[in-house]
Amino acid sequence: MHLETKKQLNVVILGIAFMFMFTAFQTCGNIAQTVITNLNSTDFHGSGYTSMAIIYGVFSASNLISPSVVAIAGPQLSMFFSGIFYSIYIAVFIEPYPWSFYTASVFLGVAAAILWTAQGNCLTINSNENTIGRNSGIFWALLQSSLFFGNLYIYFAWQGKTRIAESDRRTVFIALTVISLVGTVLFFLIRNLQESTTEEGEISGSADNLAEPTSDQSKMTRAADAFKNAIKLCFTKEILLLSITTSYTGTVKRHRPFCLGFAWNLRKVSFCG
């Protein structure tokens, strides 16, 4: 198989893996507060809003160390282990306790930073200046389709219900956990381009520069360099200007669907139609 074909296949697999993971996670986020409100009449007392604040607060701080983690472990392993923590967070809702709910939120924040840093690294490895636009489009099209499938499932599963029973909650979150794990396992299908280049005798500049670190470099040196570069990047003019718009859009993007998922009281019929 030609190297460019392998790169494009890697991008498609990456997008499908994220589609599965975020079908589970974004569906979980959209219904979390509704589920928790039903649980608050039991021994469980928590808040989905607090959980999201923890997740994205830790996410923001962890972005400083995530490049170092990816530099040591490589993008594939980084995405796999991050996906495990996404699945753990979703699985907490099967039998929730406040301590496990908030602890999982902290770990998920760290995992999210590593996941998205590794995703960017993997996408760059499998692209060049001519294909980065196309590959980004393929990835984001697959990722955003997760919003359709997850919410469609909840619509039909919970249609006409004004209260979420324990059996309904467990069924949904077991299914979402399995879906998330499927996406996590798919990361292992991404091919290592260094091996492909060696096999075919081809040389790719982008792969040489950004793929898995070479053995003659110290892992700690790579980690330290990645951390220094992350700090420097934070204070560049471009990033400072982008931070204004991204802080706004990030807040709206995360909390709008989360709040809408709890807004079913605006209608006096049921949770879903």
Protein backbone atom coordinates (compact mmCIF):
# COMPACT_ATOMS: atom_id res chain seq x y z
CA MET A 1 0.00 0.00 0.00
CA HIS A 2 1.31 3.43 -0.94
CA LEU A 3 2.46 5.65 1.93
CA GLU A 4 -0.04 8.42 1.13
CA THR A 5 -2.87 5.89 1.09
CA LYS A 6 -1.80 4.64 4.52
CA LYS A 7 -1.78 8.20 5.81
CA GLN A 8 -5.30 8.85 4.58
CA LEU A 9 -6.49 5.55 6.05
CA ASN A 10 -4.94 6.55 9.39
CA VAL A 11 -6.89 9.81 9.33
CA VAL A 12 -10.16 7.98 8.63
CA ILE A 13 -9.49 5.50 11.47
CA LEU A 14 -8.65 8.42 13.77
CA GLY A 15 -11.93 10.13 12.89
CA ILE A 16 -13.99 6.96 13.37
CA ALA A 17 -12.34 6.28 16.74
CA PHE A 18 -13.20 9.80 17.92
CA MET A 19 -16.72 9.43 16.52
CA PHE A 20 -17.32 6.38 18.71
CA MET A 21 -15.72 7.93 21.79
CA PHE A 22 -17.57 11.21 21.54
CA THR A 23 -20.87 9.61 20.59
CA ALA A 24 -20.61 8.18 24.10
CA PHE A 25 -19.07 11.15 25.91
CA GLN A 26 -21.13 13.98 24.41
CA THR A 27 -24.33 12.01 24.89
CA CYS A 28 -23.28 11.45 28.50
CA GLY A 29 -22.64 15.18 28.94
CA ASN A 30 -25.96 16.19 27.43
CA ILE A 31 -28.02 13.98 29.75
CA ALA A 32 -25.80 14.04 32.85
CA GLN A 33 -27.63 16.75 34.81
CA THR A 34 -31.01 15.23 34.04
CA VAL A 35 -29.80 11.85 35.30
CA ILE A 36 -28.19 13.41 38.38
CA THR A 37 -31.39 15.30 39.23
CA ASN A 38 -33.19 11.95 39.35
CA LEU A 39 -30.38 10.52 41.47
CA ASN A 40 -30.41 13.41 43.97
CA SER A 41 -33.60 11.97 45.47
CA THR A 42 -31.45 8.97 46.52
CA ASP A 43 -28.20 8.77 48.50
CA PHE A 44 -26.30 10.34 45.60
CA HIS A 45 -25.83 14.12 45.79
CA GLY A 46 -23.81 15.73 43.04
CA SER A 47 -23.90 18.26 40.23
CA GLY A 48 -23.18 17.81 36.56
CA TYR A 49 -22.29 21.49 36.33
CA THR A 50 -19.63 21.08 39.04
CA SER A 51 -18.28 18.03 37.25
CA MET A 52 -17.94 19.93 33.97
CA ALA A 53 -16.22 22.81 35.77
CA ILE A 54 -13.70 20.36 37.24
CA ILE A 55 -13.15 18.62 33.90
CA TYR A 56 -12.49 21.75 31.89
CA GLY A 57 -10.53 23.50 34.65
CA VAL A 58 -8.15 20.55 34.90
CA PHE A 59 -8.18 20.23 31.10
CA SER A 60 -6.95 23.81 30.74
CA ALA A 61 -4.14 23.41 33.28
CA SER A 62 -3.07 20.01 31.94
CA ASN A 63 -2.48 21.37 28.44
CA LEU A 64 0.89 22.59 29.71
CA ILE A 65 2.10 19.07 30.48
CA SER A 66 0.28 17.11 27.78
CA PRO A 67 2.93 17.76 25.06
CA SER A 68 5.55 16.21 27.35
CA VAL A 69 3.40 13.10 27.89
CA VAL A 70 2.81 12.68 24.15
CA ALA A 71 6.52 13.23 23.45
CA ILE A 72 7.37 10.32 25.77
CA ALA A 73 4.53 7.87 25.08
CA GLY A 74 3.76 8.74 21.47
CA PRO A 75 0.33 9.71 20.10
CA GLN A 76 -1.12 6.21 19.77
CA LEU A 77 -0.60 5.09 23.39
CA SER A 78 -1.52 8.54 24.66
CA MET A 79 -4.89 8.41 22.89
CA PHE A 80 -5.53 4.83 24.02
CA PHE A 81 -4.99 5.48 27.73
CA SER A 82 -6.90 8.76 27.52
CA GLY A 83 -9.80 6.85 25.98
CA ILE A 84 -9.78 4.47 28.95
CA PHE A 85 -10.41 7.39 31.31
CA TYR A 86 -13.23 8.67 29.10
CA SER A 87 -14.83 5.24 29.38
CA ILE A 88 -14.32 5.16 33.16
CA TYR A 89 -16.07 8.52 33.53
CA ILE A 90 -19.08 7.27 31.56
CA ALA A 91 -19.12 3.98 33.49
CA VAL A 92 -19.37 5.89 36.80
CA PHE A 93 -23.02 6.64 35.95
CA ILE A 94 -23.87 2.93 35.98
CA GLU A 95 -23.52 2.90 39.77
CA PRO A 96 -22.67 6.48 40.76
CA TYR A 97 -21.16 7.73 44.02
CA PRO A 98 -20.14 11.36 44.63
CA TRP A 99 -16.50 10.49 45.36
CA SER A 100 -16.10 8.38 42.21
CA PHE A 101 -17.99 10.93 40.10
CA TYR A 102 -15.76 13.87 41.03
CA THR A 103 -12.55 11.81 41.06
CA ALA A 104 -13.30 10.58 37.54
CA SER A 105 -13.90 14.21 36.53
CA VAL A 106 -10.37 15.16 37.62
CA PHE A 107 -8.74 12.28 35.76
CA LEU A 108 -10.85 12.97 32.70
CA GLY A 109 -9.61 16.55 32.61
CA VAL A 110 -6.00 15.33 32.44
CA ALA A 111 -6.91 12.66 29.88
CA ALA A 112 -8.71 15.18 27.66
CA ALA A 113 -5.64 17.40 27.43
CA ILE A 114 -3.45 14.45 26.48
CA LEU A 115 -6.04 13.08 24.02
CA TRP A 116 -6.37 16.31 22.02
CA THR A 117 -2.64 16.98 22.01
CA ALA A 118 -2.03 13.46 20.70
CA GLN A 119 -4.81 13.86 18.13
CA GLY A 120 -3.19 16.99 16.73
CA ASN A 121 0.16 15.25 16.61
CA CYS A 122 -1.28 12.19 14.86
CA LEU A 123 -3.16 14.31 12.31
CA THR A 124 0.00 16.30 11.55
CA ILE A 125 2.10 13.15 11.14
CA ASN A 126 -0.36 11.83 8.57
CA SER A 127 -0.62 15.10 6.61
CA ASN A 128 1.50 17.55 4.67
CA GLU A 129 0.92 21.11 3.55
CA ASN A 130 -1.18 19.89 0.63
CA THR A 131 -3.38 17.43 2.54
CA ILE A 132 -3.78 19.00 5.99
CA GLY A 133 -6.97 20.84 4.97
CA ARG A 134 -8.56 17.76 3.46
CA ASN A 135 -7.55 15.52 6.37
CA SER A 136 -8.81 18.01 8.95
CA GLY A 137 -12.14 18.13 7.14
CA ILE A 138 -12.42 14.34 7.12
CA PHE A 139 -11.60 14.11 10.82
CA TRP A 140 -14.00 16.83 11.96
CA ALA A 141 -16.83 15.56 9.76
CA LEU A 142 -16.56 12.14 11.41
CA LEU A 143 -16.19 13.62 14.89
CA GLN A 144 -19.19 15.94 14.64
CA SER A 145 -21.42 13.11 13.43
CA SER A 146 -21.19 11.81 16.99
CA LEU A 147 -23.67 14.50 18.05
CA PHE A 148 -26.28 13.01 15.72
CA PHE A 149 -26.00 9.32 16.61
CA GLY A 150 -25.84 9.72 20.39
CA ASN A 151 -28.71 12.14 20.71
CA LEU A 152 -30.84 10.17 18.25
CA TYR A 153 -30.42 7.09 20.44
CA ILE A 154 -31.48 8.98 23.58
CA TYR A 155 -34.48 10.45 21.78
CA PHE A 156 -35.90 7.03 20.96
CA ALA A 157 -34.75 5.32 24.19
CA TRP A 158 -36.25 7.91 26.56
CA GLN A 159 -39.13 9.27 24.48
CA GLY A 160 -42.23 9.95 26.59
CA LYS A 161 -40.48 9.52 29.95
CA THR A 162 -40.72 12.17 32.68
CA ARG A 163 -38.45 10.28 35.08
CA ILE A 164 -35.38 8.16 34.34
CA ALA A 165 -35.63 4.77 36.02
CA GLU A 166 -32.56 3.02 37.39
CA SER A 167 -32.82 0.24 34.80
CA ASP A 168 -33.05 2.78 31.96
CA ARG A 169 -30.03 4.66 33.29
CA ARG A 170 -27.91 1.53 33.59
CA THR A 171 -28.86 0.27 30.15
CA VAL A 172 -27.95 3.55 28.49
CA PHE A 173 -24.64 4.03 30.30
CA ILE A 174 -23.53 0.43 29.81
CA ALA A 175 -24.17 0.91 26.09
CA LEU A 176 -22.29 4.23 26.07
CA THR A 177 -19.34 2.71 27.95
CA VAL A 178 -19.07 -0.10 25.40
CA ILE A 179 -19.25 2.40 22.52
CA SER A 180 -16.47 4.46 24.09
CA LEU A 181 -14.29 1.39 24.56
CA VAL A 182 -14.80 0.41 20.91
CA GLY A 183 -13.47 3.80 19.85
CA THR A 184 -10.54 3.46 22.25
CA VAL A 185 -9.51 0.07 20.84
CA LEU A 186 -9.66 1.45 17.28
CA PHE A 187 -6.57 3.59 18.02
CA PHE A 188 -4.49 0.41 17.71
CA LEU A 189 -5.47 0.15 14.04
CA ILE A 190 -3.51 3.33 13.23
CA ARG A 191 -0.35 2.32 11.34
CA ASN A 192 3.11 3.45 12.39
CA LEU A 193 4.44 5.46 9.44
CA GLN A 194 8.08 4.95 10.40
CA GLU A 195 7.65 1.21 9.91
CA SER A 196 5.88 1.79 6.59
CA THR A 197 8.62 4.12 5.40
CA THR A 198 11.29 1.59 6.29
CA GLU A 199 9.44 -1.22 4.54
CA GLU A 200 8.91 0.73 1.33
CA GLY A 201 12.16 2.65 1.36
CA GLU A 202 10.33 5.97 1.23
CA ILE A 203 11.21 9.07 3.17
CA SER A 204 8.66 11.59 4.36
CA GLY A 205 9.86 14.82 5.92
CA SER A 206 6.75 15.34 8.00
CA ALA A 207 6.85 11.81 9.35
CA ASP A 208 10.55 12.05 10.19
CA ASN A 209 10.05 15.25 12.12
CA LEU A 210 6.83 14.53 13.96
CA ALA A 211 6.39 10.77 14.27
CA GLU A 212 7.39 8.55 17.18
CA PRO A 213 10.56 9.87 18.85
CA THR A 214 13.88 8.31 17.80
CA SER A 215 15.92 6.22 20.24
CA ASP A 216 19.01 8.49 20.28
CA GLN A 217 17.07 11.21 22.07
CA SER A 218 16.52 11.14 25.79
CA LYS A 219 12.85 10.81 26.73
CA MET A 220 13.29 13.31 29.53
CA THR A 221 14.96 15.76 27.16
CA ARG A 222 12.06 15.48 24.73
CA ALA A 223 9.59 15.98 27.57
CA ALA A 224 11.44 19.02 28.86
CA ASP A 225 11.68 20.53 25.39
CA ALA A 226 7.96 19.95 24.78
CA PHE A 227 7.10 21.68 28.07
CA LYS A 228 9.33 24.67 27.29
CA ASN A 229 7.83 25.01 23.83
CA ALA A 230 4.31 24.87 25.28
CA ILE A 231 5.14 27.70 27.71
CA LYS A 232 6.68 29.81 24.95
CA LEU A 233 3.69 29.22 22.69
CA CYS A 234 1.30 30.52 25.35
CA PHE A 235 2.85 33.98 25.16
CA THR A 236 3.02 34.40 21.41
CA LYS A 237 0.92 37.16 19.87
CA GLU A 238 -1.16 34.76 17.80
CA ILE A 239 -2.11 32.55 20.76
CA LEU A 240 -2.93 35.51 23.01
CA LEU A 241 -5.29 36.88 20.36
CA LEU A 242 -6.85 33.47 19.70
CA SER A 243 -7.38 32.89 23.42
CA ILE A 244 -10.00 35.65 23.51
CA THR A 245 -12.28 34.01 20.96
CA THR A 246 -11.53 30.41 21.93
CA SER A 247 -12.35 31.07 25.61
CA TYR A 248 -15.79 32.34 24.56
CA THR A 249 -16.57 29.69 21.97
CA GLY A 250 -15.29 26.95 24.26
CA THR A 251 -17.58 28.05 27.07
CA VAL A 252 -20.62 28.27 24.81
CA LYS A 253 -19.89 25.00 22.99
CA ARG A 254 -19.55 22.99 26.17
CA HIS A 255 -22.34 24.42 28.31
CA ARG A 256 -25.02 25.11 25.70
CA PRO A 257 -25.82 21.47 24.89
CA PHE A 258 -25.29 20.52 28.53
CA CYS A 259 -27.86 23.09 29.72
CA LEU A 260 -30.29 22.31 26.89
CA GLY A 261 -30.21 18.67 27.89
CA PHE A 262 -31.61 19.71 31.28
CA ALA A 263 -34.15 22.18 29.86
CA TRP A 264 -36.91 19.63 29.38
CA ASN A 265 -38.89 21.36 32.14
CA LEU A 266 -39.62 24.10 29.62
CA ARG A 267 -42.07 21.63 28.15
CA LYS A 268 -44.72 20.05 30.36
CA VAL A 269 -44.96 16.84 28.40
CA SER A 270 -41.94 14.60 28.87
CA PHE A 271 -38.17 14.39 28.68
CA CYS A 272 -38.21 13.61 24.96
CA GLY A 273 -41.12 15.11 23.06
